[in-house]
Amino acid sequence: MAESEHQLYLHHEKIYPREVHGKFAFFRLTGVVGLLGLYYVIPWLNWDGRQAVLFDLPGRKFFIFNFVIWPQELYFLAALLVILGIALFLFTAVAGRLWCGYA
């Protein structure tokens, strides 16, 4: 091939994301730090002499603070998931742009 032909891939400029400032970016950062803090701290919380959130799989018990959930009571979990799903639907219907991350 001759050198005068066009190259297959042209050189292009790199795209760099810009920093975002403002109160909503602050709220998002605060939420991320708070949720990650909970994620890392909850396993070390003690409640009445035992771990605050404990999933005892061999004993088939789930301890969540004062609640002891047995496998036959999983309909509570199903009801909680349905309620959270409806809440998610209502939240996105009312404030859909918040869910999209201000895209």
C-alpha atoms as a PDB file:
ATOM      1  CA  MET A   1       0.000   0.000   0.000  1.00  0.00           C
ATOM      2  CA  ALA A   2       1.153   3.482  -0.726  1.00  0.00           C
ATOM      3  CA  GLU A   3       1.982   5.912   2.053  1.00  0.00           C
ATOM      4  CA  SER A   4      -0.318   8.523   0.544  1.00  0.00           C
ATOM      5  CA  GLU A   5      -3.482   6.601   1.437  1.00  0.00           C
ATOM      6  CA  HIS A   6      -5.450   7.587   4.506  1.00  0.00           C
ATOM      7  CA  GLN A   7      -4.823   5.793   7.729  1.00  0.00           C
ATOM      8  CA  LEU A   8      -7.486   3.461   9.025  1.00  0.00           C
ATOM      9  CA  TYR A   9      -7.645   5.134  12.438  1.00  0.00           C
ATOM     10  CA  LEU A  10      -7.282   8.879  12.721  1.00  0.00           C
ATOM     11  CA  HIS A  11      -5.594  10.492  15.673  1.00  0.00           C
ATOM     12  CA  HIS A  12      -8.183  11.950  18.015  1.00  0.00           C
ATOM     13  CA  GLU A  13      -8.125  14.113  21.103  1.00  0.00           C
ATOM     14  CA  LYS A  14      -8.544  12.436  24.455  1.00  0.00           C
ATOM     15  CA  ILE A  15     -11.663  13.157  26.459  1.00  0.00           C
ATOM     16  CA  TYR A  16     -11.226  14.033  30.116  1.00  0.00           C
ATOM     17  CA  PRO A  17     -14.142  14.264  32.557  1.00  0.00           C
ATOM     18  CA  ARG A  18     -14.494  17.594  34.260  1.00  0.00           C
ATOM     19  CA  GLU A  19     -14.941  18.092  37.968  1.00  0.00           C
ATOM     20  CA  VAL A  20     -18.472  18.678  39.136  1.00  0.00           C
ATOM     21  CA  HIS A  21     -19.153  21.186  41.897  1.00  0.00           C
ATOM     22  CA  GLY A  22     -22.368  22.153  43.604  1.00  0.00           C
ATOM     23  CA  LYS A  23     -24.787  21.151  46.292  1.00  0.00           C
ATOM     24  CA  PHE A  24     -26.074  18.016  44.522  1.00  0.00           C
ATOM     25  CA  ALA A  25     -22.540  16.730  43.984  1.00  0.00           C
ATOM     26  CA  PHE A  26     -21.955  17.343  47.689  1.00  0.00           C
ATOM     27  CA  PHE A  27     -25.150  15.425  48.570  1.00  0.00           C
ATOM     28  CA  ARG A  28     -24.069  12.543  46.357  1.00  0.00           C
ATOM     29  CA  LEU A  29     -20.595  12.420  47.879  1.00  0.00           C
ATOM     30  CA  THR A  30     -22.052  12.607  51.392  1.00  0.00           C
ATOM     31  CA  GLY A  31     -24.422   9.734  50.603  1.00  0.00           C
ATOM     32  CA  VAL A  32     -21.641   7.595  49.144  1.00  0.00           C
ATOM     33  CA  VAL A  33     -19.373   8.177  52.143  1.00  0.00           C
ATOM     34  CA  GLY A  34     -22.226   7.489  54.579  1.00  0.00           C
ATOM     35  CA  LEU A  35     -23.346   4.264  52.913  1.00  0.00           C
ATOM     36  CA  LEU A  36     -19.801   2.958  52.568  1.00  0.00           C
ATOM     37  CA  GLY A  37     -19.222   3.835  56.215  1.00  0.00           C
ATOM     38  CA  LEU A  38     -22.260   1.758  57.202  1.00  0.00           C
ATOM     39  CA  TYR A  39     -21.090  -1.076  54.978  1.00  0.00           C
ATOM     40  CA  TYR A  40     -17.704  -1.224  56.682  1.00  0.00           C
ATOM     41  CA  VAL A  41     -18.849  -0.510  60.275  1.00  0.00           C
ATOM     42  CA  ILE A  42     -21.946  -2.728  60.656  1.00  0.00           C
ATOM     43  CA  PRO A  43     -20.008  -6.036  60.878  1.00  0.00           C
ATOM     44  CA  TRP A  44     -18.180  -4.767  63.985  1.00  0.00           C
ATOM     45  CA  LEU A  45     -21.234  -3.448  65.849  1.00  0.00           C
ATOM     46  CA  ASN A  46     -22.193  -5.394  68.966  1.00  0.00           C
ATOM     47  CA  TRP A  47     -25.783  -5.679  70.128  1.00  0.00           C
ATOM     48  CA  ASP A  48     -26.665  -7.536  73.357  1.00  0.00           C
ATOM     49  CA  GLY A  49     -23.348  -9.362  73.452  1.00  0.00           C
ATOM     50  CA  ARG A  50     -23.338 -10.540  69.840  1.00  0.00           C
ATOM     51  CA  GLN A  51     -22.861  -9.152  66.368  1.00  0.00           C
ATOM     52  CA  ALA A  52     -25.591  -6.660  65.394  1.00  0.00           C
ATOM     53  CA  VAL A  53     -26.164  -8.114  61.915  1.00  0.00           C
ATOM     54  CA  LEU A  54     -25.343 -11.813  61.718  1.00  0.00           C
ATOM     55  CA  PHE A  55     -26.381 -14.417  59.151  1.00  0.00           C
ATOM     56  CA  ASP A  56     -25.862 -17.759  60.904  1.00  0.00           C
ATOM     57  CA  LEU A  57     -26.150 -20.132  57.948  1.00  0.00           C
ATOM     58  CA  PRO A  58     -25.287 -23.395  59.777  1.00  0.00           C
ATOM     59  CA  GLY A  59     -27.753 -22.502  62.552  1.00  0.00           C
ATOM     60  CA  ARG A  60     -30.309 -21.310  59.973  1.00  0.00           C
ATOM     61  CA  LYS A  61     -30.976 -18.042  61.781  1.00  0.00           C
ATOM     62  CA  PHE A  62     -30.604 -14.422  60.746  1.00  0.00           C
ATOM     63  CA  PHE A  63     -29.969 -11.899  63.515  1.00  0.00           C
ATOM     64  CA  ILE A  64     -30.699  -8.282  62.610  1.00  0.00           C
ATOM     65  CA  PHE A  65     -30.411  -6.197  65.790  1.00  0.00           C
ATOM     66  CA  ASN A  66     -33.293  -7.417  68.024  1.00  0.00           C
ATOM     67  CA  PHE A  67     -34.947  -9.527  65.330  1.00  0.00           C
ATOM     68  CA  VAL A  68     -34.269 -13.225  64.859  1.00  0.00           C
ATOM     69  CA  ILE A  69     -35.514 -14.413  61.471  1.00  0.00           C
ATOM     70  CA  TRP A  70     -35.891 -18.118  60.810  1.00  0.00           C
ATOM     71  CA  PRO A  71     -36.020 -19.541  57.261  1.00  0.00           C
ATOM     72  CA  GLN A  72     -39.761 -20.230  57.540  1.00  0.00           C
ATOM     73  CA  GLU A  73     -40.318 -16.494  58.137  1.00  0.00           C
ATOM     74  CA  LEU A  74     -38.867 -15.392  54.803  1.00  0.00           C
ATOM     75  CA  TYR A  75     -42.246 -13.992  53.799  1.00  0.00           C
ATOM     76  CA  PHE A  76     -41.199 -10.954  55.886  1.00  0.00           C
ATOM     77  CA  LEU A  77     -38.232 -10.533  53.564  1.00  0.00           C
ATOM     78  CA  ALA A  78     -40.480 -10.963  50.524  1.00  0.00           C
ATOM     79  CA  ALA A  79     -42.860  -8.302  51.860  1.00  0.00           C
ATOM     80  CA  LEU A  80     -39.941  -5.974  52.549  1.00  0.00           C
ATOM     81  CA  LEU A  81     -38.616  -6.441  49.005  1.00  0.00           C
ATOM     82  CA  VAL A  82     -42.062  -5.726  47.530  1.00  0.00           C
ATOM     83  CA  ILE A  83     -42.388  -2.558  49.616  1.00  0.00           C
ATOM     84  CA  LEU A  84     -38.903  -1.409  48.609  1.00  0.00           C
ATOM     85  CA  GLY A  85     -39.680  -2.131  44.943  1.00  0.00           C
ATOM     86  CA  ILE A  86     -42.853  -0.045  45.103  1.00  0.00           C
ATOM     87  CA  ALA A  87     -40.956   2.735  46.882  1.00  0.00           C
ATOM     88  CA  LEU A  88     -38.293   2.637  44.164  1.00  0.00           C
ATOM     89  CA  PHE A  89     -40.971   2.859  41.467  1.00  0.00           C
ATOM     90  CA  LEU A  90     -42.696   5.796  43.179  1.00  0.00           C
ATOM     91  CA  PHE A  91     -39.408   7.603  43.768  1.00  0.00           C
ATOM     92  CA  THR A  92     -38.363   7.287  40.130  1.00  0.00           C
ATOM     93  CA  ALA A  93     -41.812   8.370  38.963  1.00  0.00           C
ATOM     94  CA  VAL A  94     -41.673  11.510  41.092  1.00  0.00           C
ATOM     95  CA  ALA A  95     -37.991  12.362  40.768  1.00  0.00           C
ATOM     96  CA  GLY A  96     -36.651  10.372  37.824  1.00  0.00           C
ATOM     97  CA  ARG A  97     -33.787  12.715  37.080  1.00  0.00           C
ATOM     98  CA  LEU A  98     -32.418  12.147  40.578  1.00  0.00           C
ATOM     99  CA  TRP A  99     -32.241   8.423  39.885  1.00  0.00           C
ATOM    100  CA  CYS A 100     -30.382   8.954  36.598  1.00  0.00           C
ATOM    101  CA  GLY A 101     -27.626  10.867  38.351  1.00  0.00           C
ATOM    102  CA  TYR A 102     -28.416  14.167  36.641  1.00  0.00           C
ATOM    103  CA  ALA A 103     -27.393  12.825  33.254  1.00  0.00           C
END
